[in-house]
Amino acid sequence: MPAASNPRPLLVAQCAILALVVAVAELAPRPGLAALYLPLLAKQRHAALDWALAHGAALNGPGPLGGLILTAPPTGFAIRAFRDGALAIAIPSILCQPPEARPHG
């Protein structure tokens, strides 16, 4: 009789994949909302940023970690940024409001 296999490593791998998919889905920029463009390679040309600006995105100012905040990034911006050596991270709309406009609670 063969020894029973341990399903635990498979379950751990499935949970890790699920966590990665949820993180990517939550952090991926959505059209119409703000995004943080964070270059990982400082000396590289940022074609994804040029592409986003040519497709309706607008610079909103510097980001907290040396990147740039964009408003209205186009669909596909996160993938282009990643290929360009940068991260494009969604910024929740609550963080984009002026401090006096934020709900208190």
N, C-alpha and C. Protein backbone atom coordinates (compact mmCIF):
# COMPACT_ATOMS: atom_id res chain seq x y z
N MET A 1 0.84 -1.17 0.00
CA MET A 1 0.00 0.00 0.00
C MET A 1 0.89 1.24 0.00
N PRO A 2 0.68 2.20 -0.97
CA PRO A 2 1.52 3.40 -1.03
C PRO A 2 1.25 4.32 0.15
N ALA A 3 2.28 5.06 0.51
CA ALA A 3 2.14 6.02 1.61
C ALA A 3 1.22 7.15 1.18
N ALA A 4 0.44 7.65 2.11
CA ALA A 4 -0.48 8.76 1.83
C ALA A 4 0.34 10.03 1.59
N SER A 5 -0.01 10.75 0.53
CA SER A 5 0.71 11.99 0.25
C SER A 5 0.19 13.11 1.15
N ASN A 6 1.07 14.07 1.38
CA ASN A 6 0.73 15.20 2.24
C ASN A 6 0.17 16.33 1.37
N PRO A 7 -1.11 16.69 1.51
CA PRO A 7 -1.70 17.75 0.68
C PRO A 7 -1.33 19.16 1.14
N ARG A 8 -0.64 19.28 2.27
CA ARG A 8 -0.35 20.60 2.83
C ARG A 8 0.49 21.49 1.90
N PRO A 9 1.59 21.00 1.28
CA PRO A 9 2.35 21.89 0.39
C PRO A 9 1.52 22.42 -0.78
N LEU A 10 0.64 21.59 -1.31
CA LEU A 10 -0.23 22.03 -2.40
C LEU A 10 -1.19 23.11 -1.92
N LEU A 11 -1.74 22.95 -0.73
CA LEU A 11 -2.64 23.94 -0.17
C LEU A 11 -1.92 25.26 0.09
N VAL A 12 -0.70 25.19 0.59
CA VAL A 12 0.09 26.40 0.83
C VAL A 12 0.37 27.11 -0.49
N ALA A 13 0.73 26.35 -1.52
CA ALA A 13 0.99 26.95 -2.84
C ALA A 13 -0.26 27.61 -3.39
N GLN A 14 -1.41 26.97 -3.26
CA GLN A 14 -2.66 27.55 -3.75
C GLN A 14 -3.01 28.82 -2.99
N CYS A 15 -2.79 28.85 -1.70
CA CYS A 15 -3.07 30.06 -0.90
C CYS A 15 -2.13 31.20 -1.30
N ALA A 16 -0.87 30.88 -1.58
CA ALA A 16 0.09 31.91 -1.99
C ALA A 16 -0.31 32.49 -3.34
N ILE A 17 -0.74 31.65 -4.26
CA ILE A 17 -1.18 32.12 -5.57
C ILE A 17 -2.42 32.99 -5.43
N LEU A 18 -3.36 32.57 -4.60
CA LEU A 18 -4.57 33.36 -4.37
C LEU A 18 -4.23 34.72 -3.77
N ALA A 19 -3.33 34.76 -2.80
CA ALA A 19 -2.92 36.03 -2.19
C ALA A 19 -2.27 36.94 -3.22
N LEU A 20 -1.45 36.38 -4.10
CA LEU A 20 -0.81 37.17 -5.15
C LEU A 20 -1.83 37.74 -6.13
N VAL A 21 -2.80 36.94 -6.53
CA VAL A 21 -3.83 37.40 -7.46
C VAL A 21 -4.67 38.51 -6.83
N VAL A 22 -5.04 38.37 -5.57
CA VAL A 22 -5.83 39.40 -4.89
C VAL A 22 -5.01 40.68 -4.74
N ALA A 23 -3.73 40.56 -4.40
CA ALA A 23 -2.89 41.75 -4.26
C ALA A 23 -2.75 42.48 -5.58
N VAL A 24 -2.52 41.74 -6.66
CA VAL A 24 -2.39 42.37 -7.97
C VAL A 24 -3.70 43.05 -8.37
N ALA A 25 -4.82 42.38 -8.11
CA ALA A 25 -6.12 42.95 -8.46
C ALA A 25 -6.40 44.23 -7.68
N GLU A 26 -6.02 44.26 -6.42
CA GLU A 26 -6.28 45.45 -5.61
C GLU A 26 -5.31 46.59 -5.90
N LEU A 27 -4.07 46.26 -6.24
CA LEU A 27 -3.06 47.29 -6.46
C LEU A 27 -2.98 47.77 -7.90
N ALA A 28 -3.59 47.06 -8.84
CA ALA A 28 -3.52 47.47 -10.25
C ALA A 28 -4.33 48.76 -10.46
N PRO A 29 -3.75 49.71 -11.17
CA PRO A 29 -4.48 50.96 -11.43
C PRO A 29 -5.73 50.71 -12.27
N ARG A 30 -6.75 51.49 -11.97
CA ARG A 30 -8.00 51.39 -12.72
C ARG A 30 -8.20 52.68 -13.51
N PRO A 31 -8.73 52.57 -14.71
CA PRO A 31 -8.97 53.79 -15.49
C PRO A 31 -9.87 54.76 -14.72
N GLY A 32 -9.50 56.00 -14.74
CA GLY A 32 -10.30 57.03 -14.07
C GLY A 32 -9.88 57.32 -12.65
N LEU A 33 -9.03 56.47 -12.05
CA LEU A 33 -8.56 56.71 -10.69
C LEU A 33 -7.08 57.04 -10.72
N ALA A 34 -6.58 57.57 -9.63
CA ALA A 34 -5.16 57.95 -9.56
C ALA A 34 -4.28 56.72 -9.41
N ALA A 35 -3.03 56.86 -9.86
CA ALA A 35 -2.05 55.79 -9.74
C ALA A 35 -0.69 56.38 -9.41
N LEU A 36 0.10 55.62 -8.69
CA LEU A 36 1.47 55.99 -8.39
C LEU A 36 2.37 55.24 -9.36
N TYR A 37 3.18 55.98 -10.12
CA TYR A 37 4.16 55.40 -11.03
C TYR A 37 5.50 55.44 -10.31
N LEU A 38 6.04 54.28 -10.01
CA LEU A 38 7.25 54.18 -9.20
C LEU A 38 8.34 53.45 -9.99
N PRO A 39 9.29 54.18 -10.59
CA PRO A 39 10.35 53.53 -11.35
C PRO A 39 11.28 52.73 -10.43
N LEU A 40 11.60 51.53 -10.85
CA LEU A 40 12.53 50.70 -10.09
C LEU A 40 13.96 50.86 -10.59
N LEU A 41 14.08 51.21 -11.86
CA LEU A 41 15.38 51.44 -12.47
C LEU A 41 15.50 52.92 -12.82
N ALA A 42 16.28 53.66 -12.07
CA ALA A 42 16.30 55.12 -12.19
C ALA A 42 16.88 55.63 -13.52
N LYS A 43 17.79 54.93 -14.10
CA LYS A 43 18.48 55.44 -15.29
C LYS A 43 17.86 54.97 -16.59
N GLN A 44 16.67 54.44 -16.55
CA GLN A 44 16.04 53.91 -17.75
C GLN A 44 14.97 54.87 -18.27
N ARG A 45 14.82 54.93 -19.59
CA ARG A 45 13.75 55.75 -20.18
C ARG A 45 12.40 55.14 -19.81
N HIS A 46 11.45 55.96 -19.54
CA HIS A 46 10.15 55.49 -19.05
C HIS A 46 9.10 55.59 -20.14
N ALA A 47 9.16 54.66 -21.08
CA ALA A 47 8.23 54.65 -22.21
C ALA A 47 6.79 54.48 -21.76
N ALA A 48 6.55 53.73 -20.69
CA ALA A 48 5.18 53.54 -20.21
C ALA A 48 4.58 54.85 -19.73
N LEU A 49 5.38 55.68 -19.09
CA LEU A 49 4.90 56.98 -18.64
C LEU A 49 4.58 57.88 -19.84
N ASP A 50 5.44 57.88 -20.82
CA ASP A 50 5.17 58.64 -22.04
C ASP A 50 3.89 58.17 -22.71
N TRP A 51 3.71 56.84 -22.76
CA TRP A 51 2.51 56.25 -23.37
C TRP A 51 1.26 56.67 -22.60
N ALA A 52 1.31 56.61 -21.28
CA ALA A 52 0.15 56.98 -20.46
C ALA A 52 -0.23 58.44 -20.68
N LEU A 53 0.76 59.31 -20.71
CA LEU A 53 0.49 60.73 -20.92
C LEU A 53 -0.09 60.98 -22.31
N ALA A 54 0.36 60.22 -23.30
CA ALA A 54 -0.17 60.37 -24.66
C ALA A 54 -1.59 59.83 -24.78
N HIS A 55 -2.02 59.01 -23.82
CA HIS A 55 -3.36 58.41 -23.86
C HIS A 55 -4.28 58.97 -22.78
N GLY A 56 -4.09 60.21 -22.38
CA GLY A 56 -5.05 60.88 -21.52
C GLY A 56 -4.71 60.99 -20.05
N ALA A 57 -3.64 60.36 -19.59
CA ALA A 57 -3.26 60.51 -18.18
C ALA A 57 -2.67 61.91 -17.98
N ALA A 58 -2.70 62.37 -16.75
CA ALA A 58 -2.14 63.68 -16.43
C ALA A 58 -1.27 63.56 -15.18
N LEU A 59 -0.16 64.29 -15.16
CA LEU A 59 0.68 64.31 -13.96
C LEU A 59 -0.02 65.12 -12.88
N ASN A 60 0.00 64.57 -11.68
CA ASN A 60 -0.65 65.24 -10.57
C ASN A 60 0.36 65.72 -9.55
N GLY A 61 1.60 65.27 -9.65
CA GLY A 61 2.63 65.71 -8.72
C GLY A 61 3.55 64.57 -8.33
N PRO A 62 4.54 64.88 -7.49
CA PRO A 62 5.48 63.85 -7.06
C PRO A 62 4.84 62.89 -6.06
N GLY A 63 5.29 61.65 -6.11
CA GLY A 63 4.81 60.65 -5.17
C GLY A 63 5.65 60.64 -3.91
N PRO A 64 5.23 59.91 -2.90
CA PRO A 64 5.94 59.92 -1.63
C PRO A 64 7.28 59.19 -1.67
N LEU A 65 7.49 58.31 -2.65
CA LEU A 65 8.73 57.53 -2.71
C LEU A 65 9.57 57.87 -3.93
N GLY A 66 9.41 59.06 -4.45
CA GLY A 66 10.19 59.49 -5.60
C GLY A 66 9.53 59.21 -6.93
N GLY A 67 8.36 58.64 -6.94
CA GLY A 67 7.65 58.40 -8.19
C GLY A 67 6.77 59.58 -8.53
N LEU A 68 5.83 59.35 -9.43
CA LEU A 68 4.89 60.38 -9.85
C LEU A 68 3.47 59.90 -9.67
N ILE A 69 2.59 60.82 -9.32
CA ILE A 69 1.17 60.50 -9.21
C ILE A 69 0.50 60.92 -10.51
N LEU A 70 -0.24 59.98 -11.11
CA LEU A 70 -0.97 60.22 -12.35
C LEU A 70 -2.45 60.15 -12.09
N THR A 71 -3.21 61.01 -12.75
CA THR A 71 -4.66 60.89 -12.73
C THR A 71 -5.10 60.30 -14.05
N ALA A 72 -6.12 59.50 -14.02
CA ALA A 72 -6.74 58.87 -15.19
C ALA A 72 -5.76 58.05 -16.03
N PRO A 73 -5.05 57.08 -15.42
CA PRO A 73 -4.17 56.24 -16.23
C PRO A 73 -5.00 55.36 -17.17
N PRO A 74 -4.54 55.13 -18.39
CA PRO A 74 -5.30 54.31 -19.34
C PRO A 74 -5.22 52.82 -18.99
N THR A 75 -6.15 52.07 -19.55
CA THR A 75 -6.15 50.62 -19.37
C THR A 75 -4.84 50.05 -19.92
N GLY A 76 -4.25 49.13 -19.20
CA GLY A 76 -3.00 48.51 -19.62
C GLY A 76 -1.76 49.20 -19.11
N PHE A 77 -1.93 50.26 -18.33
CA PHE A 77 -0.79 51.03 -17.84
C PHE A 77 0.09 50.20 -16.91
N ALA A 78 -0.50 49.39 -16.04
CA ALA A 78 0.28 48.60 -15.08
C ALA A 78 1.21 47.62 -15.79
N ILE A 79 0.71 46.98 -16.83
CA ILE A 79 1.52 46.00 -17.56
C ILE A 79 2.65 46.70 -18.30
N ARG A 80 2.35 47.83 -18.94
CA ARG A 80 3.39 48.58 -19.66
C ARG A 80 4.44 49.09 -18.68
N ALA A 81 4.02 49.57 -17.52
CA ALA A 81 4.97 50.07 -16.53
C ALA A 81 5.88 48.94 -16.04
N PHE A 82 5.31 47.78 -15.80
CA PHE A 82 6.12 46.65 -15.32
C PHE A 82 7.16 46.25 -16.37
N ARG A 83 6.77 46.24 -17.64
CA ARG A 83 7.72 45.93 -18.71
C ARG A 83 8.80 47.00 -18.83
N ASP A 84 8.48 48.21 -18.38
CA ASP A 84 9.39 49.34 -18.45
C ASP A 84 10.31 49.42 -17.22
N GLY A 85 10.14 48.49 -16.27
CA GLY A 85 10.96 48.50 -15.06
C GLY A 85 10.42 49.41 -13.99
N ALA A 86 9.09 49.50 -13.91
CA ALA A 86 8.46 50.37 -12.91
C ALA A 86 7.20 49.68 -12.37
N LEU A 87 6.71 50.18 -11.28
CA LEU A 87 5.44 49.71 -10.72
C LEU A 87 4.40 50.79 -10.88
N ALA A 88 3.19 50.39 -11.20
CA ALA A 88 2.05 51.30 -11.23
C ALA A 88 1.07 50.78 -10.19
N ILE A 89 0.86 51.55 -9.15
CA ILE A 89 0.06 51.12 -8.01
C ILE A 89 -1.17 52.02 -7.87
N ALA A 90 -2.32 51.41 -7.70
CA ALA A 90 -3.56 52.17 -7.53
C ALA A 90 -3.49 52.96 -6.21
N ILE A 91 -4.01 54.15 -6.27
CA ILE A 91 -4.12 54.99 -5.07
C ILE A 91 -5.61 55.08 -4.74
N PRO A 92 -6.02 54.65 -3.56
CA PRO A 92 -7.44 54.76 -3.20
C PRO A 92 -7.90 56.21 -3.27
N SER A 93 -9.11 56.42 -3.76
CA SER A 93 -9.62 57.78 -3.93
C SER A 93 -9.67 58.56 -2.62
N ILE A 94 -9.82 57.88 -1.50
CA ILE A 94 -9.87 58.57 -0.21
C ILE A 94 -8.54 59.27 0.09
N LEU A 95 -7.43 58.73 -0.43
CA LEU A 95 -6.13 59.35 -0.20
C LEU A 95 -5.85 60.50 -1.15
N CYS A 96 -6.67 60.65 -2.18
CA CYS A 96 -6.45 61.70 -3.17
C CYS A 96 -7.23 62.97 -2.84
N GLN A 97 -8.04 62.94 -1.81
CA GLN A 97 -8.82 64.12 -1.44
C GLN A 97 -8.00 65.02 -0.53
N PRO A 98 -8.23 66.32 -0.59
CA PRO A 98 -7.56 67.23 0.35
C PRO A 98 -7.95 66.85 1.78
N PRO A 99 -7.07 67.07 2.76
CA PRO A 99 -7.35 66.67 4.14
C PRO A 99 -8.68 67.19 4.67
N GLU A 100 -9.08 68.41 4.30
CA GLU A 100 -10.34 68.94 4.83
C GLU A 100 -11.57 68.26 4.23
N ALA A 101 -11.40 67.58 3.08
CA ALA A 101 -12.52 66.91 2.43
C ALA A 101 -12.66 65.45 2.86
N ARG A 102 -11.68 64.92 3.56
CA ARG A 102 -11.72 63.52 3.98
C ARG A 102 -12.73 63.35 5.11
N PRO A 103 -13.49 62.26 5.08
CA PRO A 103 -14.43 62.02 6.18
C PRO A 103 -13.68 61.71 7.47
N HIS A 104 -14.21 62.18 8.55
CA HIS A 104 -13.60 61.91 9.85
C HIS A 104 -14.33 60.74 10.47
N GLY A 105 -13.57 59.89 11.10
CA GLY A 105 -14.28 58.79 11.70
C GLY A 105 -13.38 57.88 12.33
